[in-house]
mmCIF file of all heavy atoms, coordinates in Angstrom:
data_MODEL
# 
_entry.id   MODEL 
# 
loop_
_atom_site.group_PDB 
_atom_site.id 
_atom_site.type_symbol 
_atom_site.label_atom_id 
_atom_site.label_alt_id 
_atom_site.label_comp_id 
_atom_site.label_asym_id 
_atom_site.label_entity_id 
_atom_site.label_seq_id 
_atom_site.pdbx_PDB_ins_code 
_atom_site.Cartn_x 
_atom_site.Cartn_y 
_atom_site.Cartn_z 
_atom_site.occupancy 
_atom_site.B_iso_or_equiv 
_atom_site.pdbx_formal_charge 
_atom_site.auth_seq_id 
_atom_site.auth_comp_id 
_atom_site.auth_asym_id 
_atom_site.auth_atom_id 
_atom_site.pdbx_PDB_model_num 
ATOM 1   N N   . ARG A 1 1  ? 90.099 94.919  79.074 1.00 0.00 ? 1  ARG A N   1 
ATOM 2   C CA  . ARG A 1 1  ? 90.751 95.041  77.771 1.00 0.00 ? 1  ARG A CA  1 
ATOM 3   C C   . ARG A 1 1  ? 90.153 96.120  76.874 1.00 0.00 ? 1  ARG A C   1 
ATOM 4   O O   . ARG A 1 1  ? 90.719 96.406  75.812 1.00 0.00 ? 1  ARG A O   1 
ATOM 5   C CB  . ARG A 1 1  ? 90.687 93.679  77.044 1.00 0.00 ? 1  ARG A CB  1 
ATOM 6   C CG  . ARG A 1 1  ? 91.388 92.554  77.782 1.00 0.00 ? 1  ARG A CG  1 
ATOM 7   C CD  . ARG A 1 1  ? 92.898 92.796  77.899 1.00 0.00 ? 1  ARG A CD  1 
ATOM 8   N NE  . ARG A 1 1  ? 93.549 92.778  76.609 1.00 0.00 ? 1  ARG A NE  1 
ATOM 9   C CZ  . ARG A 1 1  ? 94.013 91.675  76.025 1.00 0.00 ? 1  ARG A CZ  1 
ATOM 10  N NH1 . ARG A 1 1  ? 93.887 90.498  76.623 1.00 0.00 ? 1  ARG A NH1 1 
ATOM 11  N NH2 . ARG A 1 1  ? 94.612 91.748  74.852 1.00 0.00 ? 1  ARG A NH2 1 
ATOM 12  N N   . LEU A 1 2  ? 89.023 96.694  77.258 1.00 0.00 ? 2  LEU A N   1 
ATOM 13  C CA  . LEU A 1 2  ? 88.344 97.667  76.406 1.00 0.00 ? 2  LEU A CA  1 
ATOM 14  C C   . LEU A 1 2  ? 88.139 98.987  77.140 1.00 0.00 ? 2  LEU A C   1 
ATOM 15  O O   . LEU A 1 2  ? 88.348 99.074  78.353 1.00 0.00 ? 2  LEU A O   1 
ATOM 16  C CB  . LEU A 1 2  ? 86.978 97.110  75.970 1.00 0.00 ? 2  LEU A CB  1 
ATOM 17  C CG  . LEU A 1 2  ? 86.979 95.791  75.200 1.00 0.00 ? 2  LEU A CG  1 
ATOM 18  C CD1 . LEU A 1 2  ? 85.552 95.297  75.029 1.00 0.00 ? 2  LEU A CD1 1 
ATOM 19  C CD2 . LEU A 1 2  ? 87.651 95.958  73.843 1.00 0.00 ? 2  LEU A CD2 1 
ATOM 20  N N   . ALA A 1 3  ? 87.725 100.009 76.389 1.00 0.00 ? 3  ALA A N   1 
ATOM 21  C CA  . ALA A 1 3  ? 87.314 101.269 77.018 1.00 0.00 ? 3  ALA A CA  1 
ATOM 22  C C   . ALA A 1 3  ? 86.202 100.955 78.006 1.00 0.00 ? 3  ALA A C   1 
ATOM 23  O O   . ALA A 1 3  ? 85.340 100.108 77.748 1.00 0.00 ? 3  ALA A O   1 
ATOM 24  C CB  . ALA A 1 3  ? 86.833 102.253 75.952 1.00 0.00 ? 3  ALA A CB  1 
ATOM 25  N N   . ARG A 1 4  ? 86.189 101.647 79.135 1.00 0.00 ? 4  ARG A N   1 
ATOM 26  C CA  . ARG A 1 4  ? 85.342 101.228 80.244 1.00 0.00 ? 4  ARG A CA  1 
ATOM 27  C C   . ARG A 1 4  ? 83.975 101.908 80.270 1.00 0.00 ? 4  ARG A C   1 
ATOM 28  O O   . ARG A 1 4  ? 83.191 101.679 81.203 1.00 0.00 ? 4  ARG A O   1 
ATOM 29  C CB  . ARG A 1 4  ? 86.073 101.467 81.562 1.00 0.00 ? 4  ARG A CB  1 
ATOM 30  C CG  . ARG A 1 4  ? 87.428 100.772 81.599 1.00 0.00 ? 4  ARG A CG  1 
ATOM 31  C CD  . ARG A 1 4  ? 88.225 101.195 82.812 1.00 0.00 ? 4  ARG A CD  1 
ATOM 32  N NE  . ARG A 1 4  ? 87.793 100.502 84.015 1.00 0.00 ? 4  ARG A NE  1 
ATOM 33  C CZ  . ARG A 1 4  ? 88.229 99.278  84.358 1.00 0.00 ? 4  ARG A CZ  1 
ATOM 34  N NH1 . ARG A 1 4  ? 89.056 98.631  83.575 1.00 0.00 ? 4  ARG A NH1 1 
ATOM 35  N NH2 . ARG A 1 4  ? 87.808 98.719  85.465 1.00 0.00 ? 4  ARG A NH2 1 
ATOM 36  N N   . ASP A 1 5  ? 83.662 102.766 79.285 1.00 0.00 ? 5  ASP A N   1 
ATOM 37  C CA  . ASP A 1 5  ? 82.338 103.376 79.293 1.00 0.00 ? 5  ASP A CA  1 
ATOM 38  C C   . ASP A 1 5  ? 81.318 102.385 78.764 1.00 0.00 ? 5  ASP A C   1 
ATOM 39  O O   . ASP A 1 5  ? 81.612 101.538 77.906 1.00 0.00 ? 5  ASP A O   1 
ATOM 40  C CB  . ASP A 1 5  ? 82.323 104.646 78.447 1.00 0.00 ? 5  ASP A CB  1 
ATOM 41  C CG  . ASP A 1 5  ? 82.590 104.367 76.979 1.00 0.00 ? 5  ASP A CG  1 
ATOM 42  O OD1 . ASP A 1 5  ? 83.776 104.274 76.604 1.00 0.00 ? 5  ASP A OD1 1 
ATOM 43  O OD2 . ASP A 1 5  ? 81.620 104.209 76.220 1.00 0.00 ? 5  ASP A OD2 1 
ATOM 44  N N   . LEU A 1 6  ? 80.097 102.475 79.281 1.00 0.00 ? 6  LEU A N   1 
ATOM 45  C CA  . LEU A 1 6  ? 79.079 101.476 78.951 1.00 0.00 ? 6  LEU A CA  1 
ATOM 46  C C   . LEU A 1 6  ? 78.665 101.510 77.492 1.00 0.00 ? 6  LEU A C   1 
ATOM 47  O O   . LEU A 1 6  ? 78.361 100.469 76.914 1.00 0.00 ? 6  LEU A O   1 
ATOM 48  C CB  . LEU A 1 6  ? 77.851 101.678 79.846 1.00 0.00 ? 6  LEU A CB  1 
ATOM 49  C CG  . LEU A 1 6  ? 77.949 101.106 81.255 1.00 0.00 ? 6  LEU A CG  1 
ATOM 50  C CD1 . LEU A 1 6  ? 76.638 101.312 82.004 1.00 0.00 ? 6  LEU A CD1 1 
ATOM 51  C CD2 . LEU A 1 6  ? 78.301 99.620  81.234 1.00 0.00 ? 6  LEU A CD2 1 
ATOM 52  N N   . ARG A 1 7  ? 78.654 102.683 76.875 1.00 0.00 ? 7  ARG A N   1 
ATOM 53  C CA  . ARG A 1 7  ? 78.247 102.723 75.469 1.00 0.00 ? 7  ARG A CA  1 
ATOM 54  C C   . ARG A 1 7  ? 79.193 101.879 74.613 1.00 0.00 ? 7  ARG A C   1 
ATOM 55  O O   . ARG A 1 7  ? 78.747 101.105 73.767 1.00 0.00 ? 7  ARG A O   1 
ATOM 56  C CB  . ARG A 1 7  ? 78.196 104.169 74.958 1.00 0.00 ? 7  ARG A CB  1 
ATOM 57  C CG  . ARG A 1 7  ? 77.742 104.273 73.501 1.00 0.00 ? 7  ARG A CG  1 
ATOM 58  C CD  . ARG A 1 7  ? 77.378 105.690 73.156 1.00 0.00 ? 7  ARG A CD  1 
ATOM 59  N NE  . ARG A 1 7  ? 76.178 106.119 73.846 1.00 0.00 ? 7  ARG A NE  1 
ATOM 60  C CZ  . ARG A 1 7  ? 74.940 105.847 73.428 1.00 0.00 ? 7  ARG A CZ  1 
ATOM 61  N NH1 . ARG A 1 7  ? 74.762 105.140 72.324 1.00 0.00 ? 7  ARG A NH1 1 
ATOM 62  N NH2 . ARG A 1 7  ? 73.902 106.279 74.084 1.00 0.00 ? 7  ARG A NH2 1 
ATOM 63  N N   . THR A 1 8  ? 80.493 102.017 74.846 1.00 0.00 ? 8  THR A N   1 
ATOM 64  C CA  . THR A 1 8  ? 81.462 101.204 74.104 1.00 0.00 ? 8  THR A CA  1 
ATOM 65  C C   . THR A 1 8  ? 81.280 99.732  74.422 1.00 0.00 ? 8  THR A C   1 
ATOM 66  O O   . THR A 1 8  ? 81.280 98.881  73.519 1.00 0.00 ? 8  THR A O   1 
ATOM 67  C CB  . THR A 1 8  ? 82.895 101.638 74.445 1.00 0.00 ? 8  THR A CB  1 
ATOM 68  O OG1 . THR A 1 8  ? 83.092 102.987 74.029 1.00 0.00 ? 8  THR A OG1 1 
ATOM 69  C CG2 . THR A 1 8  ? 83.913 100.746 73.743 1.00 0.00 ? 8  THR A CG2 1 
ATOM 70  N N   . LEU A 1 9  ? 81.119 99.410  75.691 1.00 0.00 ? 9  LEU A N   1 
ATOM 71  C CA  . LEU A 1 9  ? 80.962 98.013  76.101 1.00 0.00 ? 9  LEU A CA  1 
ATOM 72  C C   . LEU A 1 9  ? 79.701 97.401  75.499 1.00 0.00 ? 9  LEU A C   1 
ATOM 73  O O   . LEU A 1 9  ? 79.714 96.240  75.050 1.00 0.00 ? 9  LEU A O   1 
ATOM 74  C CB  . LEU A 1 9  ? 80.927 97.921  77.625 1.00 0.00 ? 9  LEU A CB  1 
ATOM 75  C CG  . LEU A 1 9  ? 82.246 98.236  78.340 1.00 0.00 ? 9  LEU A CG  1 
ATOM 76  C CD1 . LEU A 1 9  ? 82.031 98.383  79.839 1.00 0.00 ? 9  LEU A CD1 1 
ATOM 77  C CD2 . LEU A 1 9  ? 83.281 97.138  78.067 1.00 0.00 ? 9  LEU A CD2 1 
ATOM 78  N N   . PHE A 1 10 ? 78.619 98.165  75.465 1.00 0.00 ? 10 PHE A N   1 
ATOM 79  C CA  . PHE A 1 10 ? 77.376 97.654  74.884 1.00 0.00 ? 10 PHE A CA  1 
ATOM 80  C C   . PHE A 1 10 ? 77.518 97.447  73.377 1.00 0.00 ? 10 PHE A C   1 
ATOM 81  O O   . PHE A 1 10 ? 76.980 96.489  72.815 1.00 0.00 ? 10 PHE A O   1 
ATOM 82  C CB  . PHE A 1 10 ? 76.215 98.607  75.174 1.00 0.00 ? 10 PHE A CB  1 
ATOM 83  C CG  . PHE A 1 10 ? 75.723 98.560  76.600 1.00 0.00 ? 10 PHE A CG  1 
ATOM 84  C CD1 . PHE A 1 10 ? 74.947 99.598  77.100 1.00 0.00 ? 10 PHE A CD1 1 
ATOM 85  C CD2 . PHE A 1 10 ? 76.031 97.500  77.435 1.00 0.00 ? 10 PHE A CD2 1 
ATOM 86  C CE1 . PHE A 1 10 ? 74.492 99.561  78.410 1.00 0.00 ? 10 PHE A CE1 1 
ATOM 87  C CE2 . PHE A 1 10 ? 75.579 97.460  78.748 1.00 0.00 ? 10 PHE A CE2 1 
ATOM 88  C CZ  . PHE A 1 10 ? 74.808 98.496  79.234 1.00 0.00 ? 10 PHE A CZ  1 
ATOM 89  N N   . GLU A 1 11 ? 78.222 98.361  72.711 1.00 0.00 ? 11 GLU A N   1 
ATOM 90  C CA  . GLU A 1 11 ? 78.441 98.197  71.271 1.00 0.00 ? 11 GLU A CA  1 
ATOM 91  C C   . GLU A 1 11 ? 79.251 96.936  70.989 1.00 0.00 ? 11 GLU A C   1 
ATOM 92  O O   . GLU A 1 11 ? 78.966 96.202  70.031 1.00 0.00 ? 11 GLU A O   1 
ATOM 93  C CB  . GLU A 1 11 ? 79.150 99.431  70.713 1.00 0.00 ? 11 GLU A CB  1 
ATOM 94  C CG  . GLU A 1 11 ? 78.267 100.675 70.657 1.00 0.00 ? 11 GLU A CG  1 
ATOM 95  C CD  . GLU A 1 11 ? 79.036 101.925 70.272 1.00 0.00 ? 11 GLU A CD  1 
ATOM 96  O OE1 . GLU A 1 11 ? 80.287 101.843 70.169 1.00 0.00 ? 11 GLU A OE1 1 
ATOM 97  O OE2 . GLU A 1 11 ? 78.399 102.980 70.072 1.00 0.00 ? 11 GLU A OE2 1 
ATOM 98  N N   . VAL A 1 12 ? 80.255 96.679  71.827 1.00 0.00 ? 12 VAL A N   1 
ATOM 99  C CA  . VAL A 1 12 ? 81.048 95.457  71.663 1.00 0.00 ? 12 VAL A CA  1 
ATOM 100 C C   . VAL A 1 12 ? 80.185 94.237  71.936 1.00 0.00 ? 12 VAL A C   1 
ATOM 101 O O   . VAL A 1 12 ? 80.291 93.220  71.226 1.00 0.00 ? 12 VAL A O   1 
ATOM 102 C CB  . VAL A 1 12 ? 82.273 95.488  72.599 1.00 0.00 ? 12 VAL A CB  1 
ATOM 103 C CG1 . VAL A 1 12 ? 82.953 94.124  72.641 1.00 0.00 ? 12 VAL A CG1 1 
ATOM 104 C CG2 . VAL A 1 12 ? 83.262 96.546  72.146 1.00 0.00 ? 12 VAL A CG2 1 
ATOM 105 N N   . LEU A 1 13 ? 79.330 94.317  72.944 1.00 0.00 ? 13 LEU A N   1 
ATOM 106 C CA  . LEU A 1 13 ? 78.445 93.191  73.252 1.00 0.00 ? 13 LEU A CA  1 
ATOM 107 C C   . LEU A 1 13 ? 77.520 92.901  72.074 1.00 0.00 ? 13 LEU A C   1 
ATOM 108 O O   . LEU A 1 13 ? 77.277 91.729  71.738 1.00 0.00 ? 13 LEU A O   1 
ATOM 109 C CB  . LEU A 1 13 ? 77.629 93.495  74.508 1.00 0.00 ? 13 LEU A CB  1 
ATOM 110 C CG  . LEU A 1 13 ? 76.733 92.363  75.012 1.00 0.00 ? 13 LEU A CG  1 
ATOM 111 C CD1 . LEU A 1 13 ? 77.560 91.149  75.415 1.00 0.00 ? 13 LEU A CD1 1 
ATOM 112 C CD2 . LEU A 1 13 ? 75.892 92.834  76.196 1.00 0.00 ? 13 LEU A CD2 1 
ATOM 113 N N   . ASP A 1 14 ? 77.012 93.931  71.424 1.00 0.00 ? 14 ASP A N   1 
ATOM 114 C CA  . ASP A 1 14 ? 76.169 93.740  70.240 1.00 0.00 ? 14 ASP A CA  1 
ATOM 115 C C   . ASP A 1 14 ? 76.954 93.028  69.136 1.00 0.00 ? 14 ASP A C   1 
ATOM 116 O O   . ASP A 1 14 ? 76.430 92.118  68.465 1.00 0.00 ? 14 ASP A O   1 
ATOM 117 C CB  . ASP A 1 14 ? 75.666 95.089  69.714 1.00 0.00 ? 14 ASP A CB  1 
ATOM 118 C CG  . ASP A 1 14 ? 74.665 95.743  70.644 1.00 0.00 ? 14 ASP A CG  1 
ATOM 119 O OD1 . ASP A 1 14 ? 74.133 95.038  71.518 1.00 0.00 ? 14 ASP A OD1 1 
ATOM 120 O OD2 . ASP A 1 14 ? 74.416 96.957  70.491 1.00 0.00 ? 14 ASP A OD2 1 
ATOM 121 N N   . ARG A 1 15 ? 78.201 93.422  68.968 1.00 0.00 ? 15 ARG A N   1 
ATOM 122 C CA  . ARG A 1 15 ? 79.051 92.789  67.952 1.00 0.00 ? 15 ARG A CA  1 
ATOM 123 C C   . ARG A 1 15 ? 79.286 91.316  68.287 1.00 0.00 ? 15 ARG A C   1 
ATOM 124 O O   . ARG A 1 15 ? 79.227 90.441  67.406 1.00 0.00 ? 15 ARG A O   1 
ATOM 125 C CB  . ARG A 1 15 ? 80.377 93.543  67.874 1.00 0.00 ? 15 ARG A CB  1 
ATOM 126 C CG  . ARG A 1 15 ? 81.374 92.987  66.867 1.00 0.00 ? 15 ARG A CG  1 
ATOM 127 C CD  . ARG A 1 15 ? 82.632 93.838  66.861 1.00 0.00 ? 15 ARG A CD  1 
ATOM 128 N NE  . ARG A 1 15 ? 83.712 93.235  66.110 1.00 0.00 ? 15 ARG A NE  1 
ATOM 129 C CZ  . ARG A 1 15 ? 84.940 93.711  66.059 1.00 0.00 ? 15 ARG A CZ  1 
ATOM 130 N NH1 . ARG A 1 15 ? 85.246 94.829  66.712 1.00 0.00 ? 15 ARG A NH1 1 
ATOM 131 N NH2 . ARG A 1 15 ? 85.879 93.103  65.355 1.00 0.00 ? 15 ARG A NH2 1 
ATOM 132 N N   . LEU A 1 16 ? 79.520 91.032  69.558 1.00 0.00 ? 16 LEU A N   1 
ATOM 133 C CA  . LEU A 1 16 ? 79.748 89.648  69.983 1.00 0.00 ? 16 LEU A CA  1 
ATOM 134 C C   . LEU A 1 16 ? 78.479 88.817  69.839 1.00 0.00 ? 16 LEU A C   1 
ATOM 135 O O   . LEU A 1 16 ? 78.542 87.628  69.487 1.00 0.00 ? 16 LEU A O   1 
ATOM 136 C CB  . LEU A 1 16 ? 80.225 89.624  71.431 1.00 0.00 ? 16 LEU A CB  1 
ATOM 137 C CG  . LEU A 1 16 ? 81.628 90.185  71.688 1.00 0.00 ? 16 LEU A CG  1 
ATOM 138 C CD1 . LEU A 1 16 ? 81.897 90.276  73.184 1.00 0.00 ? 16 LEU A CD1 1 
ATOM 139 C CD2 . LEU A 1 16 ? 82.692 89.306  71.016 1.00 0.00 ? 16 LEU A CD2 1 
ATOM 140 N N   . ASP A 1 17 ? 77.341 89.446  70.090 1.00 0.00 ? 17 ASP A N   1 
ATOM 141 C CA  . ASP A 1 17 ? 76.061 88.756  69.950 1.00 0.00 ? 17 ASP A CA  1 
ATOM 142 C C   . ASP A 1 17 ? 75.877 88.278  68.509 1.00 0.00 ? 17 ASP A C   1 
ATOM 143 O O   . ASP A 1 17 ? 75.537 87.113  68.254 1.00 0.00 ? 17 ASP A O   1 
ATOM 144 C CB  . ASP A 1 17 ? 74.941 89.711  70.362 1.00 0.00 ? 17 ASP A CB  1 
ATOM 145 C CG  . ASP A 1 17 ? 73.561 89.097  70.219 1.00 0.00 ? 17 ASP A CG  1 
ATOM 146 O OD1 . ASP A 1 17 ? 73.456 87.855  70.187 1.00 0.00 ? 17 ASP A OD1 1 
ATOM 147 O OD2 . ASP A 1 17 ? 72.582 89.856  70.146 1.00 0.00 ? 17 ASP A OD2 1 
ATOM 148 N N   . LYS A 1 18 ? 76.109 89.165  67.553 1.00 0.00 ? 18 LYS A N   1 
ATOM 149 C CA  . LYS A 1 18 ? 75.950 88.801  66.143 1.00 0.00 ? 18 LYS A CA  1 
ATOM 150 C C   . LYS A 1 18 ? 76.958 87.733  65.730 1.00 0.00 ? 18 LYS A C   1 
ATOM 151 O O   . LYS A 1 18 ? 76.623 86.792  65.015 1.00 0.00 ? 18 LYS A O   1 
ATOM 152 C CB  . LYS A 1 18 ? 76.111 90.047  65.270 1.00 0.00 ? 18 LYS A CB  1 
ATOM 153 C CG  . LYS A 1 18 ? 75.017 91.084  65.475 1.00 0.00 ? 18 LYS A CG  1 
ATOM 154 C CD  . LYS A 1 18 ? 75.303 92.374  64.712 1.00 0.00 ? 18 LYS A CD  1 
ATOM 155 C CE  . LYS A 1 18 ? 74.230 93.417  64.975 1.00 0.00 ? 18 LYS A CE  1 
ATOM 156 N NZ  . LYS A 1 18 ? 74.521 94.714  64.310 1.00 0.00 ? 18 LYS A NZ  1 
ATOM 157 N N   . ALA A 1 19 ? 78.203 87.884  66.205 1.00 0.00 ? 19 ALA A N   1 
ATOM 158 C CA  . ALA A 1 19 ? 79.233 86.915  65.850 1.00 0.00 ? 19 ALA A CA  1 
ATOM 159 C C   . ALA A 1 19 ? 78.923 85.540  66.431 1.00 0.00 ? 19 ALA A C   1 
ATOM 160 O O   . ALA A 1 19 ? 79.153 84.511  65.777 1.00 0.00 ? 19 ALA A O   1 
ATOM 161 C CB  . ALA A 1 19 ? 80.597 87.394  66.340 1.00 0.00 ? 19 ALA A CB  1 
ATOM 162 N N   . SER A 1 20 ? 78.408 85.504  67.640 1.00 0.00 ? 20 SER A N   1 
ATOM 163 C CA  . SER A 1 20 ? 78.108 84.218  68.272 1.00 0.00 ? 20 SER A CA  1 
ATOM 164 C C   . SER A 1 20 ? 76.956 83.511  67.564 1.00 0.00 ? 20 SER A C   1 
ATOM 165 O O   . SER A 1 20 ? 76.943 82.278  67.465 1.00 0.00 ? 20 SER A O   1 
ATOM 166 C CB  . SER A 1 20 ? 77.772 84.409  69.757 1.00 0.00 ? 20 SER A CB  1 
ATOM 167 O OG  . SER A 1 20 ? 76.547 85.096  69.931 1.00 0.00 ? 20 SER A OG  1 
ATOM 168 N N   . MET A 1 21 ? 75.994 84.293  67.058 1.00 0.00 ? 21 MET A N   1 
ATOM 169 C CA  . MET A 1 21 ? 74.878 83.678  66.325 1.00 0.00 ? 21 MET A CA  1 
ATOM 170 C C   . MET A 1 21 ? 75.371 83.087  65.009 1.00 0.00 ? 21 MET A C   1 
ATOM 171 O O   . MET A 1 21 ? 74.955 81.992  64.616 1.00 0.00 ? 21 MET A O   1 
ATOM 172 C CB  . MET A 1 21 ? 73.783 84.715  66.080 1.00 0.00 ? 21 MET A CB  1 
ATOM 173 C CG  . MET A 1 21 ? 72.974 85.067  67.312 1.00 0.00 ? 21 MET A CG  1 
ATOM 174 S SD  . MET A 1 21 ? 71.482 86.022  66.932 1.00 0.00 ? 21 MET A SD  1 
ATOM 175 C CE  . MET A 1 21 ? 72.202 87.553  66.333 1.00 0.00 ? 21 MET A CE  1 
ATOM 176 N N   . VAL A 1 22 ? 76.264 83.801  64.328 1.00 0.00 ? 22 VAL A N   1 
ATOM 177 C CA  . VAL A 1 22 ? 76.799 83.309  63.062 1.00 0.00 ? 22 VAL A CA  1 
ATOM 178 C C   . VAL A 1 22 ? 77.650 82.054  63.285 1.00 0.00 ? 22 VAL A C   1 
ATOM 179 O O   . VAL A 1 22 ? 77.529 81.063  62.553 1.00 0.00 ? 22 VAL A O   1 
ATOM 180 C CB  . VAL A 1 22 ? 77.643 84.391  62.360 1.00 0.00 ? 22 VAL A CB  1 
ATOM 181 C CG1 . VAL A 1 22 ? 78.370 83.809  61.156 1.00 0.00 ? 22 VAL A CG1 1 
ATOM 182 C CG2 . VAL A 1 22 ? 76.751 85.566  61.939 1.00 0.00 ? 22 VAL A CG2 1 
ATOM 183 N N   . ALA A 1 23 ? 78.492 82.103  64.305 1.00 0.00 ? 23 ALA A N   1 
ATOM 184 C CA  . ALA A 1 23 ? 79.416 80.993  64.555 1.00 0.00 ? 23 ALA A CA  1 
ATOM 185 C C   . ALA A 1 23 ? 78.802 79.883  65.398 1.00 0.00 ? 23 ALA A C   1 
ATOM 186 O O   . ALA A 1 23 ? 79.393 78.805  65.530 1.00 0.00 ? 23 ALA A O   1 
ATOM 187 C CB  . ALA A 1 23 ? 80.669 81.518  65.254 1.00 0.00 ? 23 ALA A CB  1 
ATOM 188 N N   . GLN A 1 24 ? 77.617 80.156  65.961 1.00 0.00 ? 24 GLN A N   1 
ATOM 189 C CA  . GLN A 1 24 ? 76.965 79.197  66.853 1.00 0.00 ? 24 GLN A CA  1 
ATOM 190 C C   . GLN A 1 24 ? 77.904 78.791  67.993 1.00 0.00 ? 24 GLN A C   1 
ATOM 191 O O   . GLN A 1 24 ? 78.080 77.613  68.302 1.00 0.00 ? 24 GLN A O   1 
ATOM 192 C CB  . GLN A 1 24 ? 76.503 77.960  66.070 1.00 0.00 ? 24 GLN A CB  1 
ATOM 193 C CG  . GLN A 1 24 ? 75.374 78.229  65.090 1.00 0.00 ? 24 GLN A CG  1 
ATOM 194 C CD  . GLN A 1 24 ? 74.082 78.626  65.798 1.00 0.00 ? 24 GLN A CD  1 
ATOM 195 O OE1 . GLN A 1 24 ? 73.527 77.863  66.591 1.00 0.00 ? 24 GLN A OE1 1 
ATOM 196 N NE2 . GLN A 1 24 ? 73.610 79.838  65.521 1.00 0.00 ? 24 GLN A NE2 1 
ATOM 197 N N   . ARG A 1 25 ? 78.511 79.795  68.616 1.00 0.00 ? 25 ARG A N   1 
ATOM 198 C CA  . ARG A 1 25 ? 79.436 79.551  69.724 1.00 0.00 ? 25 ARG A CA  1 
ATOM 199 C C   . ARG A 1 25 ? 79.047 80.399  70.929 1.00 0.00 ? 25 ARG A C   1 
ATOM 200 O O   . ARG A 1 25 ? 78.460 81.460  70.800 1.00 0.00 ? 25 ARG A O   1 
ATOM 201 C CB  . ARG A 1 25 ? 80.872 79.887  69.297 1.00 0.00 ? 25 ARG A CB  1 
ATOM 202 C CG  . ARG A 1 25 ? 81.434 78.944  68.255 1.00 0.00 ? 25 ARG A CG  1 
ATOM 203 C CD  . ARG A 1 25 ? 82.803 79.388  67.774 1.00 0.00 ? 25 ARG A CD  1 
ATOM 204 N NE  . ARG A 1 25 ? 83.792 79.461  68.863 1.00 0.00 ? 25 ARG A NE  1 
ATOM 205 C CZ  . ARG A 1 25 ? 85.044 79.869  68.686 1.00 0.00 ? 25 ARG A CZ  1 
ATOM 206 N NH1 . ARG A 1 25 ? 85.450 80.255  67.469 1.00 0.00 ? 25 ARG A NH1 1 
ATOM 207 N NH2 . ARG A 1 25 ? 85.890 79.914  69.704 1.00 0.00 ? 25 ARG A NH2 1 
ATOM 208 N N   . ARG A 1 26 ? 79.409 79.897  72.105 1.00 0.00 ? 26 ARG A N   1 
ATOM 209 C CA  . ARG A 1 26 ? 79.166 80.604  73.344 1.00 0.00 ? 26 ARG A CA  1 
ATOM 210 C C   . ARG A 1 26 ? 80.176 81.738  73.498 1.00 0.00 ? 26 ARG A C   1 
ATOM 211 O O   . ARG A 1 26 ? 81.221 81.753  72.847 1.00 0.00 ? 26 ARG A O   1 
ATOM 212 C CB  . ARG A 1 26 ? 79.286 79.659  74.542 1.00 0.00 ? 26 ARG A CB  1 
ATOM 213 C CG  . ARG A 1 26 ? 78.225 78.587  74.591 1.00 0.00 ? 26 ARG A CG  1 
ATOM 214 C CD  . ARG A 1 26 ? 78.514 77.551  75.664 1.00 0.00 ? 26 ARG A CD  1 
ATOM 215 N NE  . ARG A 1 26 ? 78.741 78.171  76.970 1.00 0.00 ? 26 ARG A NE  1 
ATOM 216 C CZ  . ARG A 1 26 ? 79.913 78.192  77.583 1.00 0.00 ? 26 ARG A CZ  1 
ATOM 217 N NH1 . ARG A 1 26 ? 80.990 77.650  77.013 1.00 0.00 ? 26 ARG A NH1 1 
ATOM 218 N NH2 . ARG A 1 26 ? 80.046 78.768  78.783 1.00 0.00 ? 26 ARG A NH2 1 
# 
């Protein structure tokens, strides 16, 4: 569903990491 380069994927992963900590969700 996303651009396939690792830099973009890692940036999205960082965003998901922060969101999961705030929401306390897997």
